[in-house]
N, C-alpha and C. Protein backbone atom coordinates (compact mmCIF):
# COMPACT_ATOMS: atom_id res chain seq x y z
N UNK A 1 3.36 -43.14 -65.22
CA UNK A 1 3.58 -42.18 -64.59
C UNK A 1 2.31 -41.43 -63.38
N UNK A 2 2.40 -40.92 -62.37
CA UNK A 2 1.52 -40.53 -61.74
C UNK A 2 1.59 -38.92 -62.22
N UNK A 3 0.56 -38.33 -62.21
CA UNK A 3 0.84 -36.62 -62.57
C UNK A 3 1.23 -36.11 -61.19
N UNK A 4 2.26 -34.90 -61.30
CA UNK A 4 2.48 -34.11 -60.01
C UNK A 4 1.60 -33.55 -59.62
N UNK A 5 1.14 -33.90 -58.22
CA UNK A 5 0.13 -32.89 -57.61
C UNK A 5 0.87 -31.36 -57.20
N UNK A 6 0.33 -30.28 -57.29
CA UNK A 6 0.83 -29.02 -56.82
C UNK A 6 0.60 -28.83 -55.31
N UNK A 7 0.66 -27.85 -54.68
CA UNK A 7 0.59 -27.66 -53.53
C UNK A 7 -1.15 -27.40 -53.32
N UNK A 8 -2.24 -27.72 -54.03
CA UNK A 8 -3.47 -27.33 -54.01
C UNK A 8 -4.03 -28.90 -53.91
N UNK A 9 -3.75 -29.47 -52.33
CA UNK A 9 -3.82 -31.01 -52.22
C UNK A 9 -5.42 -30.34 -51.48
N UNK A 10 -6.35 -31.41 -51.77
CA UNK A 10 -7.69 -31.08 -51.27
C UNK A 10 -7.95 -31.86 -49.52
N UNK A 11 -8.28 -31.13 -48.68
CA UNK A 11 -8.46 -31.38 -47.41
C UNK A 11 -10.19 -32.19 -47.23
N UNK A 12 -10.29 -33.60 -46.76
CA UNK A 12 -11.62 -33.70 -47.09
C UNK A 12 -12.66 -32.88 -46.29
N UNK A 13 -12.08 -32.52 -44.86
CA UNK A 13 -12.82 -32.40 -44.03
C UNK A 13 -13.58 -30.64 -44.22
N UNK A 14 -12.66 -29.62 -44.74
CA UNK A 14 -12.65 -28.60 -44.96
C UNK A 14 -13.25 -28.26 -46.49
N UNK A 15 -12.82 -28.92 -47.15
CA UNK A 15 -13.21 -29.07 -48.98
C UNK A 15 -12.60 -27.81 -49.40
N UNK A 16 -11.15 -27.56 -49.03
CA UNK A 16 -10.45 -26.34 -49.12
C UNK A 16 -8.89 -26.65 -49.28
N UNK A 17 -7.84 -25.88 -49.31
CA UNK A 17 -6.31 -26.23 -49.83
C UNK A 17 -5.83 -25.97 -48.28
N UNK A 18 -4.50 -26.32 -48.16
CA UNK A 18 -3.64 -26.27 -47.12
C UNK A 18 -3.51 -24.69 -47.19
N UNK A 19 -3.36 -24.17 -48.21
CA UNK A 19 -2.65 -22.74 -47.83
C UNK A 19 -4.09 -21.71 -47.62
N UNK A 20 -5.27 -22.23 -47.42
CA UNK A 20 -6.64 -21.76 -46.78
C UNK A 20 -6.21 -21.93 -45.54
N UNK A 21 -6.08 -23.03 -45.18
CA UNK A 21 -6.39 -23.48 -43.67
C UNK A 21 -5.34 -22.86 -43.02
N UNK A 22 -4.30 -22.71 -43.59
CA UNK A 22 -2.92 -21.92 -42.89
C UNK A 22 -3.40 -20.54 -42.19
N UNK A 23 -3.97 -19.83 -43.76
CA UNK A 23 -4.50 -18.45 -43.60
C UNK A 23 -5.37 -18.28 -42.15
N UNK A 24 -6.24 -19.06 -42.36
CA UNK A 24 -7.73 -19.57 -41.20
C UNK A 24 -6.81 -19.25 -40.07
N UNK A 25 -5.95 -20.00 -40.03
CA UNK A 25 -5.05 -20.20 -38.78
C UNK A 25 -4.56 -19.18 -38.21
N UNK A 26 -3.67 -18.41 -38.96
CA UNK A 26 -2.86 -17.49 -38.54
C UNK A 26 -4.03 -16.51 -37.99
N UNK A 27 -4.95 -16.07 -39.17
CA UNK A 27 -6.22 -14.78 -38.90
C UNK A 27 -6.37 -15.26 -37.40
N UNK A 28 -6.87 -16.25 -37.29
CA UNK A 28 -7.50 -16.86 -35.65
C UNK A 28 -7.05 -16.64 -34.57
N UNK A 29 -5.54 -17.34 -35.08
CA UNK A 29 -4.42 -17.05 -33.87
C UNK A 29 -3.77 -15.48 -33.70
N UNK A 30 -3.95 -14.54 -34.51
CA UNK A 30 -4.14 -13.13 -34.15
C UNK A 30 -5.14 -12.52 -33.60
N UNK A 31 -6.22 -12.84 -34.06
CA UNK A 31 -7.31 -12.31 -32.94
C UNK A 31 -7.23 -12.75 -31.70
N UNK A 32 -7.10 -13.86 -31.18
CA UNK A 32 -7.00 -14.65 -30.13
C UNK A 32 -5.63 -14.06 -29.03
N UNK A 33 -4.61 -13.35 -29.97
CA UNK A 33 -3.66 -12.62 -29.27
C UNK A 33 -3.77 -11.19 -29.03
N UNK A 34 -4.79 -10.97 -30.05
CA UNK A 34 -5.17 -9.37 -29.74
C UNK A 34 -6.26 -9.15 -28.43
N UNK A 35 -7.11 -10.20 -28.71
CA UNK A 35 -8.18 -10.26 -27.44
C UNK A 35 -7.27 -10.47 -25.81
N UNK A 36 -6.42 -11.46 -25.79
CA UNK A 36 -5.89 -11.23 -24.71
C UNK A 36 -5.01 -10.35 -24.15
N UNK A 37 -4.16 -9.95 -25.36
CA UNK A 37 -3.40 -8.63 -25.02
C UNK A 37 -4.50 -7.14 -24.51
N UNK A 38 -5.38 -7.27 -25.41
CA UNK A 38 -6.64 -6.31 -25.08
C UNK A 38 -6.94 -6.41 -23.82
N UNK A 39 -7.33 -7.72 -23.77
CA UNK A 39 -8.42 -7.86 -22.14
C UNK A 39 -7.55 -7.39 -20.89
N UNK A 40 -5.99 -8.21 -21.11
CA UNK A 40 -5.14 -7.81 -20.09
C UNK A 40 -4.84 -6.48 -19.67
N UNK A 41 -4.62 -5.74 -20.99
CA UNK A 41 -4.12 -4.29 -20.59
C UNK A 41 -5.28 -3.64 -20.38
N UNK A 42 -6.66 -4.00 -20.61
CA UNK A 42 -7.75 -3.09 -20.32
C UNK A 42 -7.91 -3.18 -18.74
N UNK A 43 -7.72 -4.45 -18.38
CA UNK A 43 -7.83 -5.09 -16.68
C UNK A 43 -7.07 -4.47 -15.96
N UNK A 44 -5.68 -4.99 -16.37
CA UNK A 44 -4.81 -5.25 -15.26
C UNK A 44 -3.62 -4.33 -16.03
N UNK A 45 -3.39 -3.56 -17.15
CA UNK A 45 -2.30 -2.89 -17.41
C UNK A 45 -1.19 -3.62 -17.68
N UNK A 46 -1.10 -4.86 -18.59
CA UNK A 46 -0.40 -5.82 -18.49
C UNK A 46 1.04 -5.29 -19.54
N UNK A 47 0.36 -4.65 -20.44
CA UNK A 47 1.18 -4.51 -21.79
C UNK A 47 1.61 -3.03 -21.66
N UNK A 48 0.92 -1.89 -21.67
CA UNK A 48 1.63 -0.67 -21.53
C UNK A 48 1.48 -0.04 -20.31
N UNK A 49 1.09 -0.52 -18.94
CA UNK A 49 0.65 -0.04 -17.93
C UNK A 49 -0.51 0.53 -17.77
N UNK A 50 -1.00 0.82 -16.50
CA UNK A 50 -2.44 1.00 -16.25
C UNK A 50 -2.93 2.07 -17.28
N UNK A 51 -4.33 2.20 -17.77
CA UNK A 51 -4.68 3.35 -18.59
C UNK A 51 -5.26 4.02 -18.15
N UNK A 52 -5.73 3.81 -16.46
CA UNK A 52 -6.18 4.94 -15.64
C UNK A 52 -6.28 4.25 -14.20
N UNK A 53 -6.29 4.91 -13.09
CA UNK A 53 -6.18 4.21 -11.79
C UNK A 53 -7.24 4.91 -10.92
N UNK A 54 -8.10 4.36 -10.58
CA UNK A 54 -9.08 4.29 -9.47
C UNK A 54 -9.21 4.48 -8.55
N UNK A 55 -7.38 3.77 -7.80
CA UNK A 55 -7.62 3.42 -6.12
C UNK A 55 -7.39 4.86 -5.81
N UNK A 56 -7.79 5.01 -4.81
CA UNK A 56 -7.37 5.97 -3.61
C UNK A 56 -5.87 6.08 -2.83
N UNK A 57 -5.74 7.23 -2.44
CA UNK A 57 -4.78 7.30 -1.68
C UNK A 57 -4.79 7.29 -0.43
N UNK A 58 -4.37 6.33 0.53
CA UNK A 58 -4.65 6.40 1.92
C UNK A 58 -4.00 7.66 2.47
N UNK A 59 -5.05 8.00 3.64
CA UNK A 59 -4.79 9.55 4.32
C UNK A 59 -4.98 8.97 5.39
N UNK A 60 -4.21 8.83 6.39
CA UNK A 60 -3.89 8.90 7.96
C UNK A 60 -3.72 10.20 8.42
N UNK A 61 -4.73 10.57 9.51
CA UNK A 61 -4.76 11.96 9.86
C UNK A 61 -4.50 11.92 11.31
N UNK A 62 -3.73 13.35 12.14
CA UNK A 62 -3.95 13.13 13.32
C UNK A 62 -5.31 13.86 13.39
N UNK A 63 -5.98 13.21 15.07
CA UNK A 63 -7.05 13.72 15.73
C UNK A 63 -6.68 14.42 16.74
N UNK A 64 -6.71 16.14 16.52
CA UNK A 64 -6.07 16.15 17.75
C UNK A 64 -4.55 16.47 17.76
N UNK A 65 -4.22 16.73 18.81
CA UNK A 65 -2.53 17.10 18.45
C UNK A 65 -2.17 16.25 19.40
N UNK A 66 -0.93 15.48 19.38
CA UNK A 66 -0.29 14.38 19.93
C UNK A 66 0.22 15.10 21.32
N UNK A 67 0.71 14.28 22.16
CA UNK A 67 1.46 15.36 23.25
C UNK A 67 2.61 14.11 23.62
N UNK A 68 3.53 14.50 24.44
CA UNK A 68 4.30 14.03 25.09
C UNK A 68 4.75 13.73 26.46
N UNK A 69 5.41 13.05 26.95
CA UNK A 69 5.74 13.36 28.41
C UNK A 69 6.99 12.71 28.54
N UNK A 70 7.44 12.89 29.76
CA UNK A 70 8.69 11.86 30.12
C UNK A 70 8.23 11.47 31.55
N UNK A 71 8.46 10.22 31.72
CA UNK A 71 7.75 9.49 32.98
C UNK A 71 9.16 9.46 33.59
N UNK A 72 8.84 9.12 35.07
CA UNK A 72 9.76 9.20 36.40
C UNK A 72 11.04 8.41 35.90
N UNK A 73 10.64 6.87 35.29
CA UNK A 73 11.43 6.05 34.73
C UNK A 73 12.47 6.14 33.84
N UNK A 74 12.56 7.57 33.20
CA UNK A 74 13.66 7.99 32.41
C UNK A 74 12.83 7.82 31.06
N UNK A 75 11.79 7.23 30.93
CA UNK A 75 11.00 6.86 29.43
C UNK A 75 10.27 8.42 28.81
N UNK A 76 10.42 8.10 27.46
CA UNK A 76 9.54 8.92 26.53
C UNK A 76 8.40 8.52 26.16
N UNK A 77 7.17 8.90 26.38
CA UNK A 77 6.03 8.22 25.86
C UNK A 77 5.19 9.49 25.03
N UNK A 78 5.04 9.16 24.14
CA UNK A 78 4.28 9.85 22.84
C UNK A 78 2.73 9.30 22.78
N UNK A 79 1.46 9.91 22.97
CA UNK A 79 0.35 9.94 22.97
C UNK A 79 -0.14 10.17 21.38
N UNK A 80 -0.57 9.12 20.32
CA UNK A 80 -1.13 9.73 19.41
C UNK A 80 -2.76 9.44 18.58
N UNK A 81 -3.55 10.32 18.26
CA UNK A 81 -4.94 9.91 18.04
C UNK A 81 -4.89 9.94 16.57
N UNK A 82 -5.08 8.69 16.27
CA UNK A 82 -4.99 8.66 14.66
C UNK A 82 -6.47 8.34 14.00
N UNK A 83 -6.65 8.62 12.74
CA UNK A 83 -7.43 8.07 11.91
C UNK A 83 -7.11 7.96 10.41
N UNK A 84 -7.93 7.11 9.93
CA UNK A 84 -8.02 6.76 8.30
C UNK A 84 -9.06 7.46 7.76
N UNK A 85 -8.82 8.16 7.00
CA UNK A 85 -10.22 9.41 6.40
C UNK A 85 -10.35 8.57 4.88
N UNK A 86 -9.20 8.36 4.28
CA UNK A 86 -9.91 8.10 2.72
C UNK A 86 -8.82 6.93 2.56
N UNK A 87 -9.18 5.94 1.30
CA UNK A 87 -8.22 4.99 0.64
C UNK A 87 -9.03 3.73 0.79
N UNK A 88 -7.69 2.81 1.03
CA UNK A 88 -8.41 1.88 0.71
C UNK A 88 -9.18 0.88 2.19
N UNK A 89 -9.30 -0.12 2.15
CA UNK A 89 -9.80 -0.64 3.94
C UNK A 89 -8.95 -0.62 4.93
N UNK A 90 -7.60 -0.56 4.54
CA UNK A 90 -6.78 -0.57 5.60
C UNK A 90 -5.48 0.35 5.14
N UNK A 91 -5.09 1.13 5.78
CA UNK A 91 -3.85 1.67 5.81
C UNK A 91 -2.61 1.59 6.75
N UNK A 92 -1.53 1.44 6.48
CA UNK A 92 -0.27 1.23 7.37
C UNK A 92 0.44 2.28 7.41
N UNK A 93 0.72 2.70 8.58
CA UNK A 93 1.44 3.84 8.85
C UNK A 93 2.91 2.85 9.14
N UNK A 94 4.00 3.00 8.14
CA UNK A 94 5.09 2.03 7.97
C UNK A 94 6.47 3.28 9.34
N UNK A 95 6.30 4.51 8.82
CA UNK A 95 7.33 5.15 9.75
C UNK A 95 6.42 6.28 10.07
N UNK A 96 7.52 6.79 11.35
CA UNK A 96 6.95 7.94 12.18
C UNK A 96 8.21 8.56 12.34
N UNK A 97 8.52 9.99 11.64
CA UNK A 97 9.58 10.71 11.66
C UNK A 97 9.42 11.86 12.91
N UNK A 98 10.31 11.76 13.82
CA UNK A 98 10.63 12.89 14.76
C UNK A 98 11.48 14.02 14.23
N UNK A 99 11.44 15.12 14.02
CA UNK A 99 12.42 16.30 13.43
C UNK A 99 12.67 17.22 14.60
N UNK A 100 13.56 17.67 14.96
CA UNK A 100 13.72 18.95 15.70
C UNK A 100 14.98 19.44 15.09
N UNK A 101 15.25 20.68 15.64
CA UNK A 101 16.44 21.58 15.24
C UNK A 101 17.86 20.72 14.98
N UNK A 102 17.71 19.67 15.98
CA UNK A 102 19.19 18.94 15.66
C UNK A 102 19.30 17.77 14.89
N UNK A 103 17.89 17.44 14.33
CA UNK A 103 18.24 16.41 13.41
C UNK A 103 16.82 15.63 13.48
N UNK A 104 16.98 14.23 12.87
CA UNK A 104 15.42 13.62 12.76
C UNK A 104 15.95 12.36 13.29
N UNK A 105 14.70 11.55 13.76
CA UNK A 105 14.81 10.38 14.52
C UNK A 105 13.55 9.49 13.71
N UNK A 106 14.30 8.33 12.95
CA UNK A 106 12.92 7.67 11.99
C UNK A 106 12.69 6.45 12.74
N UNK A 107 11.62 5.98 12.99
CA UNK A 107 10.89 4.82 13.27
C UNK A 107 10.72 4.05 12.56
N UNK A 108 11.35 2.87 12.28
CA UNK A 108 10.44 2.09 11.13
C UNK A 108 9.19 1.11 11.91
N UNK A 109 9.00 0.41 10.96
CA UNK A 109 8.08 -0.04 11.27
C UNK A 109 8.06 -1.19 12.32
N UNK A 110 9.22 -1.72 12.76
CA UNK A 110 9.81 -2.87 13.52
C UNK A 110 9.83 -2.01 14.74
N UNK A 111 10.82 -0.69 14.85
CA UNK A 111 10.31 0.29 15.90
C UNK A 111 9.27 0.46 16.54
N UNK A 112 8.25 0.60 15.57
CA UNK A 112 6.86 1.41 16.21
C UNK A 112 6.00 0.00 16.62
N UNK A 113 6.24 -1.03 16.17
CA UNK A 113 5.59 -2.39 16.39
C UNK A 113 6.42 -2.59 18.13
N UNK A 114 7.49 -2.22 18.33
CA UNK A 114 8.13 -2.45 19.64
C UNK A 114 7.57 -1.10 20.74
N UNK A 115 7.29 -0.05 20.15
CA UNK A 115 7.34 1.13 20.90
C UNK A 115 5.67 1.24 21.66
N UNK A 116 5.13 0.65 20.72
CA UNK A 116 3.36 0.73 21.07
C UNK A 116 3.26 -0.17 22.30
N UNK A 117 2.64 0.23 23.34
CA UNK A 117 2.35 -0.39 24.08
C UNK A 117 0.85 -0.71 24.69
N UNK A 118 0.19 0.53 24.15
CA UNK A 118 -1.70 0.43 24.40
C UNK A 118 -2.34 1.56 23.18
N UNK A 119 -3.18 0.35 22.74
CA UNK A 119 -4.02 1.05 21.65
C UNK A 119 -5.00 1.18 22.11
N UNK A 120 -6.05 2.20 22.19
CA UNK A 120 -7.26 2.28 22.72
C UNK A 120 -8.14 3.03 21.51
N UNK A 121 -9.28 1.90 21.34
CA UNK A 121 -10.03 2.17 19.99
C UNK A 121 -10.90 2.96 20.59
N UNK A 122 -11.60 4.04 19.28
CA UNK A 122 -12.82 4.71 19.63
C UNK A 122 -13.90 4.05 20.34
N UNK A 123 -14.93 4.65 20.80
CA UNK A 123 -16.22 4.47 21.25
C UNK A 123 -17.25 3.84 20.22
N UNK A 124 -17.31 4.47 19.08
CA UNK A 124 -17.88 3.81 17.73
C UNK A 124 -17.19 3.09 17.41
N UNK A 125 -16.15 2.24 17.31
CA UNK A 125 -15.13 1.37 16.64
C UNK A 125 -16.57 0.24 16.50
N UNK A 126 -16.47 -0.46 15.43
CA UNK A 126 -17.44 -0.80 14.94
C UNK A 126 -16.75 -2.01 13.59
N UNK A 127 -15.70 -1.99 13.58
CA UNK A 127 -14.52 -3.24 12.60
C UNK A 127 -13.54 -3.65 12.96
N UNK A 128 -12.49 -3.85 12.06
CA UNK A 128 -11.31 -4.67 12.55
C UNK A 128 -10.51 -3.38 13.55
N UNK A 129 -9.91 -4.02 14.64
CA UNK A 129 -8.95 -3.08 15.27
C UNK A 129 -8.22 -2.74 14.74
N UNK A 130 -7.49 -1.87 15.37
CA UNK A 130 -6.27 -1.31 14.90
C UNK A 130 -4.93 -1.93 15.89
N UNK A 131 -4.05 -2.24 14.93
CA UNK A 131 -2.97 -3.18 15.33
C UNK A 131 -1.73 -2.92 14.79
N UNK A 132 -0.60 -3.65 15.43
CA UNK A 132 0.51 -3.03 15.27
C UNK A 132 1.04 -4.65 14.34
N UNK A 133 1.69 -4.22 13.66
CA UNK A 133 2.70 -5.76 12.92
C UNK A 133 4.40 -5.19 12.55
N UNK A 134 5.45 -5.87 12.73
CA UNK A 134 6.75 -5.65 12.44
C UNK A 134 7.13 -5.27 10.89
N UNK A 135 6.04 -5.96 10.49
CA UNK A 135 6.15 -5.41 8.51
C UNK A 135 5.57 -4.34 8.12
N UNK A 136 4.51 -3.82 8.83
CA UNK A 136 3.58 -2.91 8.49
C UNK A 136 3.69 -1.76 9.19
N UNK A 137 4.18 -1.69 10.85
CA UNK A 137 4.03 -0.36 11.49
C UNK A 137 2.49 -0.70 12.29
N UNK A 138 1.95 0.37 12.16
CA UNK A 138 0.32 0.74 12.86
C UNK A 138 -0.69 0.49 11.34
N UNK A 139 -1.23 -0.87 11.72
CA UNK A 139 -2.85 -0.53 10.68
C UNK A 139 -3.58 -0.25 11.06
N UNK A 140 -4.11 0.77 10.63
CA UNK A 140 -5.31 1.72 10.78
C UNK A 140 -6.46 1.32 9.53
N UNK A 141 -7.31 0.49 9.93
CA UNK A 141 -8.77 0.53 8.96
C UNK A 141 -9.75 1.57 8.62
N UNK A 142 -10.15 1.74 7.44
CA UNK A 142 -10.72 3.12 6.79
C UNK A 142 -11.88 3.29 8.31
N UNK A 143 -11.90 4.65 8.18
CA UNK A 143 -12.92 5.12 9.41
C UNK A 143 -12.71 5.08 10.76
N UNK A 144 -11.61 4.06 11.35
CA UNK A 144 -11.51 3.88 12.46
C UNK A 144 -10.94 5.00 13.07
N UNK A 145 -10.77 5.29 14.45
CA UNK A 145 -9.92 6.04 15.54
C UNK A 145 -9.67 5.43 16.48
N UNK A 146 -8.33 5.70 17.02
CA UNK A 146 -7.46 5.15 18.20
C UNK A 146 -6.36 6.18 19.00
N UNK A 147 -6.48 6.08 20.05
CA UNK A 147 -5.14 6.33 20.83
C UNK A 147 -4.45 5.63 20.90
N UNK A 148 -3.07 5.93 20.75
CA UNK A 148 -1.93 5.00 20.40
C UNK A 148 -1.02 5.61 21.35
N UNK A 149 -0.38 4.63 22.51
CA UNK A 149 0.55 5.02 23.41
C UNK A 149 2.19 4.40 23.20
N UNK A 150 2.97 5.11 22.87
CA UNK A 150 4.33 4.75 22.73
C UNK A 150 5.11 4.97 23.64
N UNK A 151 6.11 4.05 23.88
CA UNK A 151 7.49 4.57 24.25
C UNK A 151 8.66 4.06 23.64
N UNK A 152 8.67 5.53 23.44
CA UNK A 152 9.93 6.09 22.36
C UNK A 152 11.59 5.76 22.70
N UNK A 153 11.55 5.60 24.12
CA UNK A 153 12.51 5.01 24.61
C UNK A 153 13.02 3.58 24.40
N UNK A 154 12.61 2.96 24.22
CA UNK A 154 12.74 1.84 23.51
C UNK A 154 13.47 1.35 22.54
N UNK A 155 13.40 2.35 21.30
CA UNK A 155 14.09 2.54 20.04
C UNK A 155 14.81 3.62 19.78
N UNK A 156 14.77 4.47 20.56
CA UNK A 156 15.91 6.07 20.36
C UNK A 156 16.65 5.66 21.53
N UNK A 157 16.68 4.62 22.91
CA UNK A 157 17.97 4.52 23.51
C UNK A 157 17.69 5.72 24.15
N UNK A 158 17.02 6.97 24.26
CA UNK A 158 17.30 8.02 25.38
C UNK A 158 16.00 8.65 25.61
N UNK A 159 15.90 9.55 26.39
CA UNK A 159 14.97 10.63 26.84
C UNK A 159 14.86 11.48 25.41
N UNK A 160 13.58 11.93 25.48
CA UNK A 160 13.29 12.98 24.51
C UNK A 160 13.11 14.61 25.27
N UNK A 161 13.96 15.52 24.91
CA UNK A 161 13.14 16.71 25.31
C UNK A 161 13.37 17.62 23.95
N UNK A 162 12.35 18.41 24.53
CA UNK A 162 12.01 19.70 23.31
C UNK A 162 10.92 19.79 22.68
N UNK A 163 10.85 20.43 21.26
CA UNK A 163 9.46 20.40 20.57
C UNK A 163 10.18 19.30 19.30
N UNK A 164 9.37 18.59 18.73
CA UNK A 164 9.55 17.63 18.02
C UNK A 164 8.55 17.92 17.03
N UNK A 165 8.63 17.86 15.64
CA UNK A 165 7.71 17.57 14.42
C UNK A 165 7.40 16.24 14.13
N UNK A 166 6.21 15.62 14.21
CA UNK A 166 5.97 14.39 14.08
C UNK A 166 5.50 14.16 12.79
N UNK A 167 5.82 13.19 11.57
CA UNK A 167 5.30 12.82 10.56
C UNK A 167 4.89 11.49 10.59
N UNK A 168 3.49 11.43 10.13
CA UNK A 168 3.37 10.06 9.83
C UNK A 168 3.38 9.51 8.41
N UNK A 169 4.20 8.60 7.84
CA UNK A 169 4.44 8.49 6.73
C UNK A 169 3.39 6.61 6.06
N UNK A 170 2.79 7.14 5.30
CA UNK A 170 1.54 6.01 4.68
C UNK A 170 2.83 5.49 3.33
N UNK A 171 3.13 4.07 3.25
CA UNK A 171 3.65 3.79 1.88
C UNK A 171 3.24 3.60 0.95
N UNK A 172 2.97 4.61 -0.11
CA UNK A 172 2.44 4.87 -1.07
C UNK A 172 3.25 5.55 -2.32
N UNK A 173 2.57 5.42 -3.43
CA UNK A 173 3.57 6.09 -4.51
C UNK A 173 3.27 7.89 -4.43
N UNK A 174 2.12 8.05 -4.18
CA UNK A 174 1.68 9.54 -3.75
C UNK A 174 1.32 10.06 -2.45
N UNK A 175 2.09 9.83 -1.37
CA UNK A 175 2.21 9.60 -0.23
C UNK A 175 1.57 10.85 0.48
N UNK A 176 0.56 11.03 1.22
CA UNK A 176 0.07 12.15 1.58
C UNK A 176 0.60 12.15 3.12
N UNK A 177 1.59 12.68 3.47
CA UNK A 177 2.02 12.66 4.67
C UNK A 177 1.08 13.82 5.84
N UNK A 178 1.20 13.05 7.20
CA UNK A 178 0.06 13.96 8.19
C UNK A 178 1.29 14.49 9.10
N UNK A 179 1.54 15.79 9.68
CA UNK A 179 2.47 16.09 10.51
C UNK A 179 1.58 17.27 11.81
N UNK A 180 2.21 17.10 12.80
CA UNK A 180 1.83 17.87 13.99
C UNK A 180 3.27 17.95 14.93
N UNK A 181 2.66 18.77 15.81
CA UNK A 181 4.27 18.77 16.78
C UNK A 181 4.09 18.15 18.00
N UNK A 182 5.10 18.43 18.49
CA UNK A 182 4.73 17.51 19.82
C UNK A 182 5.87 17.99 20.90
N UNK A 183 5.70 18.27 22.01
CA UNK A 183 6.72 18.57 23.27
C UNK A 183 6.88 17.71 24.03
N UNK A 184 8.01 17.32 24.57
CA UNK A 184 8.44 16.43 25.68
C UNK A 184 8.66 17.16 26.65
């Protein structure tokens, strides 16, 4: 009769028992998991969320005061001079809110792309053009400045009269809105 071998079976490659191989495998697996989770946490905030945030909030401002006028054909035209002074390479003005004593008019990115009929870049313009998009509104590259002409009658359906507060909305968590007044 053969003797019964217990769990201490020898491994000819490692010259050790299967329990030790299991322990080494588990320890190595734990080290790999900790490394992957730790690297993801530090680099991307995968597990707990970002540990720090070095990104800058985009700041789009008016250069000068915007002005409005009512044309002879019954359309209301607003002229804005905007610049992106801080933040990522390009900021999007996704909403323009016109507020007066009687209520608000909100122009979404689709309205903005329909209303803009002329964009004149500044003379010192040296990189990407300021442009419109139905998804993002007005795209303003960092450091660029442009004069934007908008026909507001297309999206509002009426001629505007009186004094309005114009607010540029940049879609970020900590949005820095820029406001100015315009009279039609």
